[in-house]
Amino acid sequence: QLPRPRRVAGRVRRLEKMVDDDTYCIDLLTQFSAVTKALEAFALALLDDHLGSCIKDAVRVGGSVADDKIHEASQAIARLVR
């Protein structure tokens, strides 16, 4: 099951409120780190879901369909690690 995007959005709203409240910089950085980790977890869960369904189905079909999906996934992974 994928993490809920609302959880990530909630963390971002919390960060925004902290900025508005002129929260201490170190506390902001801590919250920023939590937002970053939540986004990374969401992205990895999406990737895992994609590999387990779309890529798996494309490999069953084979040929250029599989090649295209694997290339697409490879590009997505490259964007995640940049």
C-alpha atoms as a PDB file:
ATOM      1  CA  GLN A   1       0.000   0.000   0.000  1.00  0.00           C
ATOM      2  CA  LEU A   2       1.296   3.432  -0.936  1.00  0.00           C
ATOM      3  CA  PRO A   3       1.853   6.108   1.684  1.00  0.00           C
ATOM      4  CA  ARG A   4      -0.809   8.772   1.597  1.00  0.00           C
ATOM      5  CA  PRO A   5       0.213  11.989  -0.180  1.00  0.00           C
ATOM      6  CA  ARG A   6      -1.814  13.826   2.479  1.00  0.00           C
ATOM      7  CA  ARG A   7       0.773  12.785   5.055  1.00  0.00           C
ATOM      8  CA  VAL A   8       3.501  14.419   2.989  1.00  0.00           C
ATOM      9  CA  ALA A   9       1.321  17.480   2.429  1.00  0.00           C
ATOM     10  CA  GLY A  10       0.682  17.678   6.166  1.00  0.00           C
ATOM     11  CA  ARG A  11       4.402  17.754   6.839  1.00  0.00           C
ATOM     12  CA  VAL A  12       4.829  20.520   4.266  1.00  0.00           C
ATOM     13  CA  ARG A  13       2.017  22.542   5.862  1.00  0.00           C
ATOM     14  CA  ARG A  14       3.675  22.077   9.253  1.00  0.00           C
ATOM     15  CA  LEU A  15       6.941  23.343   7.793  1.00  0.00           C
ATOM     16  CA  GLU A  16       5.163  26.338   6.270  1.00  0.00           C
ATOM     17  CA  LYS A  17       3.563  27.186   9.622  1.00  0.00           C
ATOM     18  CA  MET A  18       6.917  26.913  11.328  1.00  0.00           C
ATOM     19  CA  VAL A  19       8.387  29.389   8.838  1.00  0.00           C
ATOM     20  CA  ASP A  20       5.450  31.747   9.394  1.00  0.00           C
ATOM     21  CA  ASP A  21       5.946  31.443  13.171  1.00  0.00           C
ATOM     22  CA  ASP A  22       9.655  32.315  12.771  1.00  0.00           C
ATOM     23  CA  THR A  23      10.720  28.980  14.255  1.00  0.00           C
ATOM     24  CA  TYR A  24      14.369  28.427  15.164  1.00  0.00           C
ATOM     25  CA  CYS A  25      16.434  27.487  12.095  1.00  0.00           C
ATOM     26  CA  ILE A  26      17.624  24.134  13.424  1.00  0.00           C
ATOM     27  CA  ASP A  27      14.038  23.090  14.138  1.00  0.00           C
ATOM     28  CA  LEU A  28      13.101  24.090  10.586  1.00  0.00           C
ATOM     29  CA  LEU A  29      15.941  21.989   9.215  1.00  0.00           C
ATOM     30  CA  THR A  30      14.775  19.026  11.273  1.00  0.00           C
ATOM     31  CA  GLN A  31      11.253  19.368   9.867  1.00  0.00           C
ATOM     32  CA  PHE A  32      12.667  19.874   6.370  1.00  0.00           C
ATOM     33  CA  SER A  33      14.528  16.591   6.763  1.00  0.00           C
ATOM     34  CA  ALA A  34      11.267  14.872   7.769  1.00  0.00           C
ATOM     35  CA  VAL A  35       9.543  16.276   4.667  1.00  0.00           C
ATOM     36  CA  THR A  36      12.397  15.102   2.464  1.00  0.00           C
ATOM     37  CA  LYS A  37      12.306  11.590   3.961  1.00  0.00           C
ATOM     38  CA  ALA A  38       8.523  11.415   3.561  1.00  0.00           C
ATOM     39  CA  LEU A  39       8.821  12.384  -0.114  1.00  0.00           C
ATOM     40  CA  GLU A  40      11.593   9.848  -0.652  1.00  0.00           C
ATOM     41  CA  ALA A  41       9.529   7.108   0.994  1.00  0.00           C
ATOM     42  CA  PHE A  42       6.557   7.989  -1.178  1.00  0.00           C
ATOM     43  CA  ALA A  43       8.694   7.977  -4.343  1.00  0.00           C
ATOM     44  CA  LEU A  44      10.252   4.612  -3.456  1.00  0.00           C
ATOM     45  CA  ALA A  45       6.841   3.107  -2.737  1.00  0.00           C
ATOM     46  CA  LEU A  46       5.580   4.354  -6.111  1.00  0.00           C
ATOM     47  CA  LEU A  47       8.628   2.890  -7.825  1.00  0.00           C
ATOM     48  CA  ASP A  48       8.179  -0.432  -6.056  1.00  0.00           C
ATOM     49  CA  ASP A  49       4.524  -0.516  -7.096  1.00  0.00           C
ATOM     50  CA  HIS A  50       5.465   0.323 -10.684  1.00  0.00           C
ATOM     51  CA  LEU A  51       8.098  -2.405 -10.812  1.00  0.00           C
ATOM     52  CA  GLY A  52       5.722  -4.952  -9.303  1.00  0.00           C
ATOM     53  CA  SER A  53       2.897  -4.235 -11.703  1.00  0.00           C
ATOM     54  CA  CYS A  54       3.665  -2.269 -14.868  1.00  0.00           C
ATOM     55  CA  ILE A  55       7.163  -3.609 -15.419  1.00  0.00           C
ATOM     56  CA  LYS A  56       6.166  -7.147 -14.510  1.00  0.00           C
ATOM     57  CA  ASP A  57       3.280  -7.031 -17.019  1.00  0.00           C
ATOM     58  CA  ALA A  58       5.513  -5.554 -19.728  1.00  0.00           C
ATOM     59  CA  VAL A  59       8.117  -8.287 -19.210  1.00  0.00           C
ATOM     60  CA  ARG A  60       5.382 -10.902 -19.705  1.00  0.00           C
ATOM     61  CA  VAL A  61       4.495  -9.261 -23.027  1.00  0.00           C
ATOM     62  CA  GLY A  62       8.160  -9.019 -23.956  1.00  0.00           C
ATOM     63  CA  GLY A  63       9.787  -7.396 -26.964  1.00  0.00           C
ATOM     64  CA  SER A  64       9.769  -3.649 -27.419  1.00  0.00           C
ATOM     65  CA  VAL A  65       7.013  -3.206 -24.827  1.00  0.00           C
ATOM     66  CA  ALA A  66       9.306  -4.619 -22.144  1.00  0.00           C
ATOM     67  CA  ASP A  67      12.302  -2.698 -23.435  1.00  0.00           C
ATOM     68  CA  ASP A  68      10.366   0.576 -23.393  1.00  0.00           C
ATOM     69  CA  LYS A  69       9.026   0.060 -19.855  1.00  0.00           C
ATOM     70  CA  ILE A  70      12.428  -0.943 -18.509  1.00  0.00           C
ATOM     71  CA  HIS A  71      14.005   2.113 -20.136  1.00  0.00           C
ATOM     72  CA  GLU A  72      11.265   4.315 -18.677  1.00  0.00           C
ATOM     73  CA  ALA A  73      11.840   2.871 -15.199  1.00  0.00           C
ATOM     74  CA  SER A  74      15.586   3.323 -15.543  1.00  0.00           C
ATOM     75  CA  GLN A  75      15.104   6.992 -16.383  1.00  0.00           C
ATOM     76  CA  ALA A  76      12.773   7.438 -13.409  1.00  0.00           C
ATOM     77  CA  ILE A  77      15.339   5.861 -11.083  1.00  0.00           C
ATOM     78  CA  ALA A  78      18.037   8.139 -12.482  1.00  0.00           C
ATOM     79  CA  ARG A  79      15.855  11.193 -11.747  1.00  0.00           C
ATOM     80  CA  LEU A  80      15.327   9.984  -8.179  1.00  0.00           C
ATOM     81  CA  VAL A  81      19.022   9.638  -7.422  1.00  0.00           C
ATOM     82  CA  ARG A  82      20.130  12.963  -8.917  1.00  0.00           C
END
